[in-house]
N, C-alpha and C. Protein backbone atom coordinates (compact mmCIF):
# COMPACT_ATOMS: atom_id res chain seq x y z
N UNK A 1 -171.53 6.82 60.01
CA UNK A 1 -171.66 7.15 59.04
C UNK A 1 -172.98 8.84 59.05
N UNK A 2 -172.43 9.57 58.52
CA UNK A 2 -173.46 10.56 58.06
C UNK A 2 -174.07 10.25 56.63
N UNK A 3 -175.43 10.37 56.25
CA UNK A 3 -175.94 10.18 55.23
C UNK A 3 -175.98 11.07 54.38
N UNK A 4 -175.63 11.41 52.95
CA UNK A 4 -175.74 12.01 51.70
C UNK A 4 -176.27 11.89 50.61
N UNK A 5 -177.14 12.31 50.07
CA UNK A 5 -177.82 12.24 48.97
C UNK A 5 -176.91 12.92 47.49
N UNK A 6 -177.19 12.31 46.75
CA UNK A 6 -176.11 12.43 45.78
C UNK A 6 -176.92 11.80 44.27
N UNK A 7 -177.33 12.86 43.17
CA UNK A 7 -177.42 12.71 41.97
C UNK A 7 -176.79 12.45 41.19
N UNK A 8 -177.37 11.29 40.75
CA UNK A 8 -176.26 10.07 39.78
C UNK A 8 -176.52 10.06 38.21
N UNK A 9 -175.91 10.24 37.47
CA UNK A 9 -176.42 9.56 36.17
C UNK A 9 -176.98 8.46 36.32
N UNK A 10 -177.56 8.55 34.99
CA UNK A 10 -177.95 6.23 34.59
C UNK A 10 -176.93 5.66 34.73
N UNK A 11 -175.98 5.84 33.77
CA UNK A 11 -174.98 4.86 33.83
C UNK A 11 -174.13 4.69 34.96
N UNK A 12 -173.71 6.19 35.84
CA UNK A 12 -173.71 5.74 37.16
C UNK A 12 -174.27 4.29 38.51
N UNK A 13 -175.30 4.58 37.90
CA UNK A 13 -176.26 4.19 38.73
C UNK A 13 -176.30 2.27 38.15
N UNK A 14 -176.30 1.49 37.21
CA UNK A 14 -176.13 0.38 36.27
C UNK A 14 -174.74 0.34 37.43
N UNK A 15 -173.82 1.09 36.77
CA UNK A 15 -172.35 0.66 37.30
C UNK A 15 -172.19 -0.45 38.90
N UNK A 16 -173.34 1.11 40.21
CA UNK A 16 -173.76 0.58 41.27
C UNK A 16 -174.25 -0.47 40.92
N UNK A 17 -175.41 -1.11 40.53
CA UNK A 17 -175.86 -2.11 40.66
C UNK A 17 -174.96 -2.97 40.23
N UNK A 18 -174.59 -3.24 39.28
CA UNK A 18 -173.35 -4.04 38.80
C UNK A 18 -172.86 -5.11 39.50
N UNK A 19 -171.60 -3.35 40.57
CA UNK A 19 -171.34 -4.56 41.45
C UNK A 19 -172.10 -5.02 42.36
N UNK A 20 -173.11 -4.44 42.69
CA UNK A 20 -174.34 -5.25 44.18
C UNK A 20 -174.10 -6.58 43.44
N UNK A 21 -174.81 -6.42 42.19
CA UNK A 21 -174.93 -7.86 41.86
C UNK A 21 -174.02 -8.81 41.60
N UNK A 22 -172.71 -8.52 41.14
CA UNK A 22 -171.68 -9.16 41.28
C UNK A 22 -171.15 -9.58 42.11
N UNK A 23 -171.66 -8.82 43.58
CA UNK A 23 -171.34 -9.14 44.95
C UNK A 23 -170.17 -8.61 45.02
N UNK A 24 -169.47 -7.58 44.41
CA UNK A 24 -168.15 -6.95 45.04
C UNK A 24 -168.71 -5.54 46.44
N UNK A 25 -170.41 -5.35 46.43
CA UNK A 25 -171.00 -4.36 47.33
C UNK A 25 -172.22 -4.81 47.83
N UNK A 26 -172.38 -4.84 49.27
CA UNK A 26 -174.15 -5.31 49.92
C UNK A 26 -175.02 -4.27 49.34
N UNK A 27 -174.84 -3.06 49.54
CA UNK A 27 -175.78 -2.37 48.82
C UNK A 27 -175.06 -1.21 47.71
N UNK A 28 -175.38 -0.26 47.00
CA UNK A 28 -175.17 0.75 46.38
C UNK A 28 -174.78 1.52 47.03
N UNK A 29 -174.96 2.04 48.09
CA UNK A 29 -174.14 2.69 48.81
C UNK A 29 -172.88 2.27 49.18
N UNK A 30 -172.96 0.88 49.78
CA UNK A 30 -171.55 0.00 49.55
C UNK A 30 -170.68 0.38 48.72
N UNK A 31 -171.34 0.19 47.63
CA UNK A 31 -170.51 -0.23 45.92
C UNK A 31 -170.21 1.66 45.98
N UNK A 32 -170.82 2.29 46.42
CA UNK A 32 -170.21 4.32 46.19
C UNK A 32 -168.49 4.24 47.10
N UNK A 33 -168.63 3.69 48.70
CA UNK A 33 -167.64 3.15 49.42
C UNK A 33 -166.60 2.64 48.64
N UNK A 34 -166.94 1.68 48.18
CA UNK A 34 -165.71 0.76 47.46
C UNK A 34 -165.09 1.92 46.50
N UNK A 35 -166.36 2.72 45.50
CA UNK A 35 -165.42 3.39 44.58
C UNK A 35 -164.97 4.32 45.00
N UNK A 36 -165.25 4.85 46.29
CA UNK A 36 -164.36 5.63 47.36
C UNK A 36 -162.74 5.45 47.58
N UNK A 37 -162.77 4.30 47.68
CA UNK A 37 -161.33 3.66 48.61
C UNK A 37 -160.37 2.89 47.30
N UNK A 38 -161.36 2.46 46.34
CA UNK A 38 -160.57 2.50 44.64
C UNK A 38 -159.25 3.16 44.50
N UNK A 39 -160.47 4.76 44.64
CA UNK A 39 -160.15 5.88 44.03
C UNK A 39 -159.18 6.66 44.62
N UNK A 40 -159.10 5.89 46.37
CA UNK A 40 -157.71 6.54 47.11
C UNK A 40 -156.02 5.65 46.84
N UNK A 41 -156.90 4.27 47.10
CA UNK A 41 -155.28 3.43 46.25
C UNK A 41 -155.30 3.58 45.40
N UNK A 42 -156.08 4.12 43.77
CA UNK A 42 -155.46 4.44 43.10
C UNK A 42 -154.69 5.91 42.77
N UNK A 43 -155.04 6.44 43.57
CA UNK A 43 -153.67 8.51 44.04
C UNK A 43 -152.74 7.18 44.81
N UNK A 44 -153.06 6.78 45.85
CA UNK A 44 -151.88 6.19 45.91
C UNK A 44 -151.14 5.92 45.28
N UNK A 45 -151.39 5.04 44.35
CA UNK A 45 -150.52 4.27 43.42
C UNK A 45 -149.91 5.47 42.53
N UNK A 46 -150.69 5.90 41.88
CA UNK A 46 -150.56 7.06 40.88
C UNK A 46 -148.91 8.16 41.82
N UNK A 47 -149.48 8.55 42.71
CA UNK A 47 -148.26 9.07 44.07
C UNK A 47 -146.72 8.21 43.99
N UNK A 48 -146.41 6.78 44.28
CA UNK A 48 -145.79 6.33 43.99
C UNK A 48 -145.29 6.32 43.03
N UNK A 49 -145.81 6.06 41.78
CA UNK A 49 -145.34 5.87 40.51
C UNK A 49 -144.88 7.83 40.13
N UNK A 50 -145.47 8.58 40.51
CA UNK A 50 -144.35 9.56 40.30
C UNK A 50 -143.17 9.73 40.61
N UNK A 51 -142.97 9.11 42.20
CA UNK A 51 -142.22 9.28 42.58
C UNK A 51 -141.51 8.82 42.61
N UNK A 52 -141.44 7.66 42.00
CA UNK A 52 -140.77 6.34 40.88
C UNK A 52 -140.07 7.40 39.58
N UNK A 53 -141.15 7.98 38.84
CA UNK A 53 -140.51 8.74 37.62
C UNK A 53 -139.49 9.74 38.19
N UNK A 54 -139.85 10.59 38.99
CA UNK A 54 -139.12 11.75 39.18
C UNK A 54 -137.36 10.93 39.56
N UNK A 55 -137.84 9.84 40.54
CA UNK A 55 -136.55 9.50 41.00
C UNK A 55 -135.56 9.01 39.95
N UNK A 56 -136.58 8.23 38.29
CA UNK A 56 -135.91 8.18 37.21
C UNK A 56 -135.53 8.90 36.57
N UNK A 57 -136.21 10.19 37.22
CA UNK A 57 -135.57 11.42 36.19
C UNK A 57 -134.82 12.30 36.45
N UNK A 58 -133.93 12.23 37.89
CA UNK A 58 -133.29 12.27 38.07
C UNK A 58 -131.74 11.24 37.52
N UNK A 59 -132.29 9.99 37.72
CA UNK A 59 -130.83 9.29 37.86
C UNK A 59 -131.03 9.42 36.18
N UNK A 60 -131.66 9.53 35.34
CA UNK A 60 -131.31 9.69 33.61
C UNK A 60 -130.57 11.32 33.52
N UNK A 61 -131.21 12.35 34.59
CA UNK A 61 -129.88 13.60 34.20
C UNK A 61 -128.68 13.08 35.20
N UNK A 62 -128.36 12.78 35.84
CA UNK A 62 -126.93 11.99 36.18
C UNK A 62 -126.62 11.27 35.50
N UNK A 63 -127.47 10.60 34.54
CA UNK A 63 -126.64 9.30 33.83
C UNK A 63 -126.24 10.43 32.20
N UNK A 64 -126.99 11.65 31.82
CA UNK A 64 -126.62 12.59 31.12
C UNK A 64 -125.58 13.42 31.02
N UNK A 65 -125.62 13.35 32.88
CA UNK A 65 -124.13 14.49 32.87
C UNK A 65 -122.76 14.01 32.99
N UNK A 66 -123.45 12.13 33.49
CA UNK A 66 -121.93 11.45 33.26
C UNK A 66 -121.47 10.60 31.74
N UNK A 67 -122.40 11.15 30.70
CA UNK A 67 -122.16 10.70 29.58
C UNK A 67 -121.82 12.31 28.47
N UNK A 68 -121.60 13.11 29.43
CA UNK A 68 -121.24 15.10 28.51
C UNK A 68 -119.76 14.44 29.16
N UNK A 69 -119.65 14.61 30.41
CA UNK A 69 -118.27 14.41 31.15
C UNK A 69 -117.89 13.22 30.14
N UNK A 70 -118.24 12.30 29.85
CA UNK A 70 -117.36 11.33 29.41
C UNK A 70 -117.34 11.54 28.22
N UNK A 71 -118.00 12.35 27.37
CA UNK A 71 -117.66 12.71 25.82
C UNK A 71 -116.39 14.51 25.75
N UNK A 72 -117.13 14.59 26.80
CA UNK A 72 -115.76 15.72 27.14
C UNK A 72 -114.76 15.06 27.36
N UNK A 73 -114.51 14.19 27.81
CA UNK A 73 -113.44 13.56 28.15
C UNK A 73 -112.46 12.76 27.12
N UNK A 74 -113.47 12.41 26.52
CA UNK A 74 -112.87 11.64 24.70
C UNK A 74 -112.46 12.89 23.61
N UNK A 75 -113.26 14.02 24.14
CA UNK A 75 -112.67 14.70 22.83
C UNK A 75 -110.96 15.56 23.42
N UNK A 76 -111.13 15.61 25.06
CA UNK A 76 -109.82 15.94 25.44
C UNK A 76 -108.35 15.06 25.15
N UNK A 77 -109.04 13.90 25.41
CA UNK A 77 -108.64 12.79 25.05
C UNK A 77 -107.76 12.01 22.89
N UNK A 78 -108.82 12.88 22.55
CA UNK A 78 -108.51 12.62 21.17
C UNK A 78 -107.80 14.11 20.62
N UNK A 79 -107.93 14.99 21.26
CA UNK A 79 -106.96 16.46 20.96
C UNK A 79 -105.59 15.91 21.62
N UNK A 80 -105.30 15.50 22.81
CA UNK A 80 -103.96 15.15 23.15
C UNK A 80 -103.26 13.78 22.37
N UNK A 81 -104.42 13.45 21.59
CA UNK A 81 -103.65 12.07 21.02
C UNK A 81 -103.27 12.98 19.31
N UNK A 82 -104.13 13.59 18.83
CA UNK A 82 -103.90 14.14 17.43
C UNK A 82 -102.72 15.29 18.49
N UNK A 83 -102.31 15.73 19.37
CA UNK A 83 -101.11 16.66 19.54
C UNK A 83 -100.08 15.68 19.46
N UNK A 84 -99.88 14.35 20.37
CA UNK A 84 -99.15 13.75 20.36
C UNK A 84 -98.55 13.24 18.96
N UNK A 85 -99.27 13.10 17.98
CA UNK A 85 -99.43 12.16 16.68
C UNK A 85 -98.70 13.67 15.92
N UNK A 86 -98.79 14.78 16.21
CA UNK A 86 -97.84 15.95 15.55
C UNK A 86 -96.62 15.61 16.16
N UNK A 87 -96.06 15.72 17.41
CA UNK A 87 -95.17 15.93 18.25
C UNK A 87 -94.22 14.59 17.67
N UNK A 88 -95.16 13.65 17.06
CA UNK A 88 -94.24 12.05 16.78
C UNK A 88 -93.84 12.24 15.36
N UNK A 89 -94.65 13.49 14.43
CA UNK A 89 -94.04 13.31 13.33
C UNK A 89 -93.04 14.43 13.16
N UNK A 90 -92.76 15.13 14.06
CA UNK A 90 -91.98 16.20 14.40
C UNK A 90 -90.86 15.76 14.92
N UNK A 91 -90.59 14.55 15.58
CA UNK A 91 -89.64 13.77 15.85
C UNK A 91 -89.39 12.97 14.68
N UNK A 92 -89.95 12.08 13.83
CA UNK A 92 -89.60 12.00 12.98
C UNK A 92 -88.93 12.28 12.37
N UNK A 93 -89.45 13.89 11.44
CA UNK A 93 -88.39 15.05 10.29
C UNK A 93 -87.25 15.28 11.27
N UNK A 94 -86.75 15.12 12.36
CA UNK A 94 -86.14 15.74 12.96
C UNK A 94 -84.26 14.99 12.20
N UNK A 95 -84.43 13.81 12.05
CA UNK A 95 -83.41 13.54 11.68
C UNK A 95 -83.17 14.01 10.06
N UNK A 96 -84.03 13.86 9.14
CA UNK A 96 -83.76 14.46 8.00
C UNK A 96 -83.59 16.00 8.17
N UNK A 97 -84.36 16.79 8.80
CA UNK A 97 -83.89 18.02 9.32
C UNK A 97 -82.39 18.47 9.80
N UNK A 98 -82.00 17.23 10.58
CA UNK A 98 -80.37 17.08 10.69
C UNK A 98 -79.32 17.10 9.56
N UNK A 99 -79.40 15.82 8.84
CA UNK A 99 -78.91 15.42 7.91
C UNK A 99 -78.84 17.17 6.90
N UNK A 100 -79.81 17.21 6.39
CA UNK A 100 -79.96 18.35 5.46
C UNK A 100 -79.78 19.52 5.84
N UNK A 101 -79.88 19.86 7.13
CA UNK A 101 -78.47 20.90 7.86
C UNK A 101 -77.12 20.65 8.32
N UNK A 102 -76.66 19.63 7.85
CA UNK A 102 -74.82 18.60 7.64
C UNK A 102 -75.01 19.26 6.70
N UNK A 103 -75.71 19.13 6.24
CA UNK A 103 -75.42 19.09 4.13
C UNK A 103 -75.44 20.69 4.26
N UNK A 104 -76.59 20.93 4.44
CA UNK A 104 -76.24 22.63 4.51
C UNK A 104 -75.21 23.72 5.33
N UNK A 105 -75.06 22.86 6.42
CA UNK A 105 -72.87 23.22 6.89
C UNK A 105 -71.81 23.49 6.19
N UNK A 106 -72.11 22.18 5.85
CA UNK A 106 -70.99 21.35 4.47
C UNK A 106 -70.53 22.11 3.39
N UNK A 107 -72.21 22.37 3.01
CA UNK A 107 -72.08 23.31 1.58
C UNK A 107 -71.80 25.03 1.94
N UNK A 108 -71.72 25.63 2.79
CA UNK A 108 -71.88 26.80 3.37
C UNK A 108 -70.50 26.36 3.77
N UNK A 109 -69.60 25.59 4.40
CA UNK A 109 -68.47 25.71 4.73
C UNK A 109 -67.26 26.16 3.85
N UNK A 110 -68.19 24.88 2.26
CA UNK A 110 -67.26 24.62 1.19
C UNK A 110 -67.15 26.02 0.91
N UNK A 111 -68.49 26.59 0.75
CA UNK A 111 -68.45 27.91 -0.14
C UNK A 111 -67.44 29.19 0.47
N UNK A 112 -67.86 29.56 1.50
CA UNK A 112 -66.70 30.36 2.54
C UNK A 112 -65.43 30.02 2.18
N UNK A 113 -64.86 28.78 2.01
CA UNK A 113 -63.57 28.05 1.82
C UNK A 113 -63.13 29.28 0.13
N UNK A 114 -63.90 28.52 -0.77
CA UNK A 114 -63.83 29.04 -2.15
C UNK A 114 -64.05 30.34 -2.26
N UNK A 115 -64.60 30.85 -1.60
CA UNK A 115 -64.60 32.59 -1.96
C UNK A 115 -63.57 33.03 -1.04
N UNK A 116 -62.56 32.49 -0.06
CA UNK A 116 -62.38 33.05 0.89
C UNK A 116 -60.80 33.86 0.16
N UNK A 117 -59.87 34.51 0.74
CA UNK A 117 -58.93 34.64 0.03
C UNK A 117 -57.25 33.97 1.03
N UNK A 118 -56.74 34.32 0.79
CA UNK A 118 -55.71 33.20 0.94
C UNK A 118 -55.78 33.56 2.62
N UNK A 119 -55.50 34.38 2.66
CA UNK A 119 -55.01 34.97 4.31
C UNK A 119 -56.01 34.53 5.14
N UNK A 120 -57.84 34.58 5.22
CA UNK A 120 -58.65 34.58 5.24
C UNK A 120 -58.53 32.46 5.73
N UNK A 121 -58.10 32.21 4.33
CA UNK A 121 -57.89 30.51 5.26
C UNK A 121 -57.36 30.13 6.45
N UNK A 122 -55.62 31.15 5.77
CA UNK A 122 -55.40 30.61 7.10
C UNK A 122 -55.87 31.26 8.26
N UNK A 123 -56.50 32.07 8.32
CA UNK A 123 -56.84 32.69 9.65
C UNK A 123 -57.97 31.83 9.77
N UNK A 124 -58.10 30.49 9.12
CA UNK A 124 -59.77 30.38 9.64
C UNK A 124 -59.00 28.89 9.91
N UNK A 125 -57.56 28.93 9.46
CA UNK A 125 -57.15 27.23 9.57
C UNK A 125 -56.62 27.33 11.65
N UNK A 126 -56.68 28.39 11.61
CA UNK A 126 -56.25 28.42 13.10
C UNK A 126 -57.66 28.73 14.30
N UNK A 127 -58.44 29.64 13.48
CA UNK A 127 -59.81 29.60 14.18
C UNK A 127 -61.19 29.25 13.55
N UNK A 128 -60.87 28.57 13.12
CA UNK A 128 -61.62 27.54 12.56
C UNK A 128 -63.02 28.59 11.63
N UNK A 129 -63.14 28.21 10.21
CA UNK A 129 -64.57 28.87 9.78
C UNK A 129 -66.27 29.00 9.84
N UNK A 130 -66.33 30.09 10.07
CA UNK A 130 -66.95 31.33 10.76
C UNK A 130 -68.35 30.67 10.23
N UNK A 131 -69.02 29.53 9.40
CA UNK A 131 -69.47 29.23 8.98
C UNK A 131 -71.28 29.75 9.88
N UNK A 132 -71.21 30.02 11.24
CA UNK A 132 -72.45 30.52 11.72
C UNK A 132 -72.54 31.92 11.47
N UNK A 133 -71.35 32.45 11.04
CA UNK A 133 -72.27 33.92 10.96
C UNK A 133 -71.63 34.61 9.31
N UNK A 134 -72.11 33.42 9.11
CA UNK A 134 -72.39 33.50 7.08
C UNK A 134 -73.35 34.73 6.99
N UNK A 135 -74.21 35.40 7.35
CA UNK A 135 -74.91 36.80 7.27
C UNK A 135 -73.90 37.65 7.61
N UNK A 136 -73.32 37.83 8.96
CA UNK A 136 -72.44 38.83 9.28
C UNK A 136 -71.60 39.20 7.59
N UNK A 137 -71.01 38.01 7.22
CA UNK A 137 -69.50 38.25 6.07
C UNK A 137 -70.40 38.89 5.02
N UNK A 138 -71.50 37.95 4.98
CA UNK A 138 -72.20 38.83 3.59
C UNK A 138 -72.42 40.08 3.46
């Protein structure tokens, strides 16, 4: 080993002497070497923690993307459900509309027959009352 001289603060010297007293090192020089080794271990632990943190960050980003995709899917399904409800409402209204259309057809036919001349009524017995062409007749 190469010999190095260093100037330390009094607090640092007291820390080195305490380590020697506690038996963690045989001398102050060895206590400095132990501190360097501990620092290397802490750097390794820090690198490991950073790697794990980045992996968690990737996992969080992946989960956020999956959550956003799921939210989009929920929105799509809700829109489909609203559309289905609108279609079902239209289907439910169809019988009423058909009944109204039939009543309207009957009313138009009755009105045409009431307003028609005798010749037109006779002609319509053969050809049928032109209810669908009401606009053309008016």
